[in-house]
C-alpha atoms as a PDB file:
ATOM      1  CA  MET A   1      63.081  62.811  15.863  1.00  0.00           C
ATOM      2  CA  ASP A   2      60.999  65.768  17.052  1.00  0.00           C
ATOM      3  CA  ILE A   3      60.650  68.585  14.492  1.00  0.00           C
ATOM      4  CA  ASP A   4      60.229  72.121  15.830  1.00  0.00           C
ATOM      5  CA  PHE A   5      57.707  74.314  13.966  1.00  0.00           C
ATOM      6  CA  SER A   6      54.823  76.657  14.725  1.00  0.00           C
ATOM      7  CA  VAL A   7      51.510  77.318  12.986  1.00  0.00           C
ATOM      8  CA  THR A   8      49.416  80.300  14.016  1.00  0.00           C
ATOM      9  CA  LYS A   9      46.201  81.989  12.893  1.00  0.00           C
ATOM     10  CA  ASN A  10      45.286  85.479  14.056  1.00  0.00           C
ATOM     11  CA  GLY A  11      48.280  85.393  16.428  1.00  0.00           C
ATOM     12  CA  LYS A  12      47.168  82.202  18.201  1.00  0.00           C
ATOM     13  CA  GLU A  13      48.485  78.655  17.862  1.00  0.00           C
ATOM     14  CA  LEU A  14      46.359  76.681  15.394  1.00  0.00           C
ATOM     15  CA  ASP A  15      44.425  73.795  16.945  1.00  0.00           C
ATOM     16  CA  LYS A  16      46.233  70.572  15.975  1.00  0.00           C
ATOM     17  CA  SER A  17      42.923  69.003  14.915  1.00  0.00           C
ATOM     18  CA  LEU A  18      42.844  71.483  11.989  1.00  0.00           C
ATOM     19  CA  TYR A  19      45.992  70.133  10.310  1.00  0.00           C
ATOM     20  CA  THR A  20      47.999  66.975   9.819  1.00  0.00           C
ATOM     21  CA  TRP A  21      51.765  66.618  10.108  1.00  0.00           C
ATOM     22  CA  ASP A  22      53.409  63.469   8.745  1.00  0.00           C
ATOM     23  CA  GLU A  23      56.808  63.411  10.427  1.00  0.00           C
ATOM     24  CA  ASN A  24      58.158  60.647   8.170  1.00  0.00           C
ATOM     25  CA  SER A  25      57.467  62.461   4.881  1.00  0.00           C
ATOM     26  CA  LYS A  26      57.674  65.950   6.449  1.00  0.00           C
ATOM     27  CA  THR A  27      54.263  66.831   4.962  1.00  0.00           C
ATOM     28  CA  PHE A  28      52.022  69.504   6.495  1.00  0.00           C
ATOM     29  CA  SER A  29      48.385  69.550   5.267  1.00  0.00           C
ATOM     30  CA  THR A  30      45.402  71.773   6.056  1.00  0.00           C
ATOM     31  CA  CYS A  31      42.449  73.468   4.372  1.00  0.00           C
ATOM     32  CA  GLU A  32      42.812  76.508   6.648  1.00  0.00           C
ATOM     33  CA  ASN A  33      43.404  80.017   5.262  1.00  0.00           C
ATOM     34  CA  GLY A  34      45.282  82.925   6.846  1.00  0.00           C
ATOM     35  CA  LEU A  35      48.037  80.942   8.563  1.00  0.00           C
ATOM     36  CA  VAL A  36      51.581  81.860   9.534  1.00  0.00           C
ATOM     37  CA  LEU A  37      53.787  78.767   9.240  1.00  0.00           C
ATOM     38  CA  ASP A  38      57.259  78.962  10.790  1.00  0.00           C
ATOM     39  CA  PHE A  39      59.347  75.971   9.693  1.00  0.00           C
ATOM     40  CA  ILE A  40      62.574  77.997   9.443  1.00  0.00           C
ATOM     41  CA  SER A  41      64.685  75.243  11.028  1.00  0.00           C
ATOM     42  CA  VAL A  42      63.073  72.456   8.950  1.00  0.00           C
ATOM     43  CA  ASN A  43      64.324  71.451   5.492  1.00  0.00           C
ATOM     44  CA  GLY A  44      62.699  69.321   2.783  1.00  0.00           C
ATOM     45  CA  CYS A  45      59.045  69.818   3.764  1.00  0.00           C
ATOM     46  CA  THR A  46      55.885  69.661   1.668  1.00  0.00           C
ATOM     47  CA  PHE A  47      53.046  72.083   2.424  1.00  0.00           C
ATOM     48  CA  LYS A  48      49.412  71.801   1.310  1.00  0.00           C
ATOM     49  CA  THR A  49      47.358  74.755   2.562  1.00  0.00           C
ATOM     50  CA  GLY A  50      44.500  77.107   1.912  1.00  0.00           C
ATOM     51  CA  GLY A  51      45.128  80.675   0.807  1.00  0.00           C
ATOM     52  CA  ASP A  52      46.477  83.861   2.386  1.00  0.00           C
ATOM     53  CA  CYS A  53      49.284  82.044   4.246  1.00  0.00           C
ATOM     54  CA  THR A  54      52.811  83.156   5.144  1.00  0.00           C
ATOM     55  CA  PHE A  55      55.657  80.615   5.131  1.00  0.00           C
ATOM     56  CA  LYS A  56      59.147  80.777   6.682  1.00  0.00           C
ATOM     57  CA  THR A  57      61.130  77.639   5.836  1.00  0.00           C
ATOM     58  CA  GLY A  58      64.508  76.048   5.339  1.00  0.00           C
ATOM     59  CA  PHE A  59      65.614  74.715   1.940  1.00  0.00           C
ATOM     60  CA  GLY A  60      64.247  72.011  -0.375  1.00  0.00           C
ATOM     61  CA  CYS A  61      60.521  72.556   0.286  1.00  0.00           C
ATOM     62  CA  THR A  62      57.456  72.043  -1.945  1.00  0.00           C
ATOM     63  CA  PHE A  63      54.315  74.154  -1.647  1.00  0.00           C
ATOM     64  CA  LYS A  64      50.780  73.536  -2.977  1.00  0.00           C
ATOM     65  CA  THR A  65      48.695  76.501  -1.820  1.00  0.00           C
ATOM     66  CA  GLY A  66      45.671  78.660  -2.438  1.00  0.00           C
ATOM     67  CA  TYR A  67      45.770  82.368  -3.264  1.00  0.00           C
ATOM     68  CA  ASP A  68      47.637  85.380  -1.802  1.00  0.00           C
ATOM     69  CA  CYS A  69      50.505  83.589  -0.004  1.00  0.00           C
ATOM     70  CA  THR A  70      53.935  84.950   1.008  1.00  0.00           C
ATOM     71  CA  PHE A  71      57.079  82.801   0.938  1.00  0.00           C
ATOM     72  CA  ASP A  72      60.450  83.472   2.591  1.00  0.00           C
ATOM     73  CA  THR A  73      62.515  80.333   1.955  1.00  0.00           C
ATOM     74  CA  GLY A  74      65.928  78.797   1.620  1.00  0.00           C
ATOM     75  CA  ASP A  75      67.284  77.225  -1.585  1.00  0.00           C
ATOM     76  CA  CYS A  76      65.878  74.565  -3.961  1.00  0.00           C
ATOM     77  CA  CYS A  77      62.130  75.094  -3.387  1.00  0.00           C
ATOM     78  CA  THR A  78      59.189  74.400  -5.727  1.00  0.00           C
ATOM     79  CA  PHE A  79      55.929  76.351  -5.662  1.00  0.00           C
ATOM     80  CA  LYS A  80      52.530  75.475  -7.184  1.00  0.00           C
ATOM     81  CA  THR A  81      50.181  78.335  -6.314  1.00  0.00           C
ATOM     82  CA  ASP A  82      47.141  80.334  -7.302  1.00  0.00           C
ATOM     83  CA  ASP A  83      47.352  84.078  -8.016  1.00  0.00           C
ATOM     84  CA  TYR A  84      48.630  87.001  -5.904  1.00  0.00           C
ATOM     85  CA  CYS A  85      51.561  85.221  -4.249  1.00  0.00           C
ATOM     86  CA  THR A  86      54.834  86.904  -3.215  1.00  0.00           C
ATOM     87  CA  PHE A  87      58.189  85.089  -3.252  1.00  0.00           C
ATOM     88  CA  LYS A  88      61.569  85.854  -1.677  1.00  0.00           C
ATOM     89  CA  THR A  89      63.725  82.756  -2.126  1.00  0.00           C
ATOM     90  CA  GLY A  90      67.164  81.276  -2.106  1.00  0.00           C
ATOM     91  CA  GLU A  91      68.803  79.725  -5.181  1.00  0.00           C
ATOM     92  CA  GLU A  92      67.424  77.152  -7.636  1.00  0.00           C
ATOM     93  CA  CYS A  93      63.722  77.810  -6.963  1.00  0.00           C
ATOM     94  CA  VAL A  94      60.810  77.820  -9.423  1.00  0.00           C
ATOM     95  CA  ALA A  95      57.158  78.873  -9.338  1.00  0.00           C
ATOM     96  CA  VAL A  96      54.455  77.164 -11.419  1.00  0.00           C
ATOM     97  CA  ARG A  97      51.329  79.222 -12.154  1.00  0.00           C
ATOM     98  CA  ARG A  98      48.539  76.673 -12.377  1.00  0.00           C
ATOM     99  CA  GLY A  99      46.006  78.895 -14.150  1.00  0.00           C
ATOM    100  CA  ILE A 100      48.149  79.418 -17.254  1.00  0.00           C
ATOM    101  CA  PHE A 101      50.824  76.754 -16.598  1.00  0.00           C
ATOM    102  CA  GLU A 102      53.681  79.226 -16.587  1.00  0.00           C
ATOM    103  CA  ILE A 103      57.021  78.179 -15.064  1.00  0.00           C
ATOM    104  CA  ILE A 104      59.025  81.041 -13.538  1.00  0.00           C
ATOM    105  CA  LYS A 105      62.669  80.647 -12.477  1.00  0.00           C
ATOM    106  CA  LEU A 106      63.088  82.664  -9.294  1.00  0.00           C
ATOM    107  CA  GLU A 107      66.269  84.604  -8.592  1.00  0.00           C
ATOM    108  CA  LYS A 108      67.960  84.452  -5.177  1.00  0.00           C
ATOM    109  CA  GLY A 109      66.969  87.409  -2.985  1.00  0.00           C
ATOM    110  CA  VAL A 110      64.751  89.009  -5.656  1.00  0.00           C
ATOM    111  CA  LYS A 111      61.163  89.510  -4.522  1.00  0.00           C
ATOM    112  CA  ILE A 112      58.447  88.978  -7.162  1.00  0.00           C
ATOM    113  CA  LYS A 113      54.665  89.054  -7.065  1.00  0.00           C
ATOM    114  CA  ILE A 114      52.590  86.822  -9.347  1.00  0.00           C
END
């Protein structure tokens, strides 16, 4: 099973030595900041990244990120982020603000900034 995704930084493909991808658990991990992650055709992934990243995904994903990230996702996603993140999601998604442990139910198609 070969999963199609792209990860870029400053418009160039990110060197594969700077991240790990576990195909069995569908987990993407990196400490890099400023990435654009395009997993639009992939569902049920887990992302662990640095800050200032942009995500395009399918549904059922989990995110653990740094600051200032942008999310454009399908349904049933969970987010654990730092501050200054923007969300545009499908249905049944929540955001957890770690700093003050606030849980926010996100509305389908409504863009919010935390």
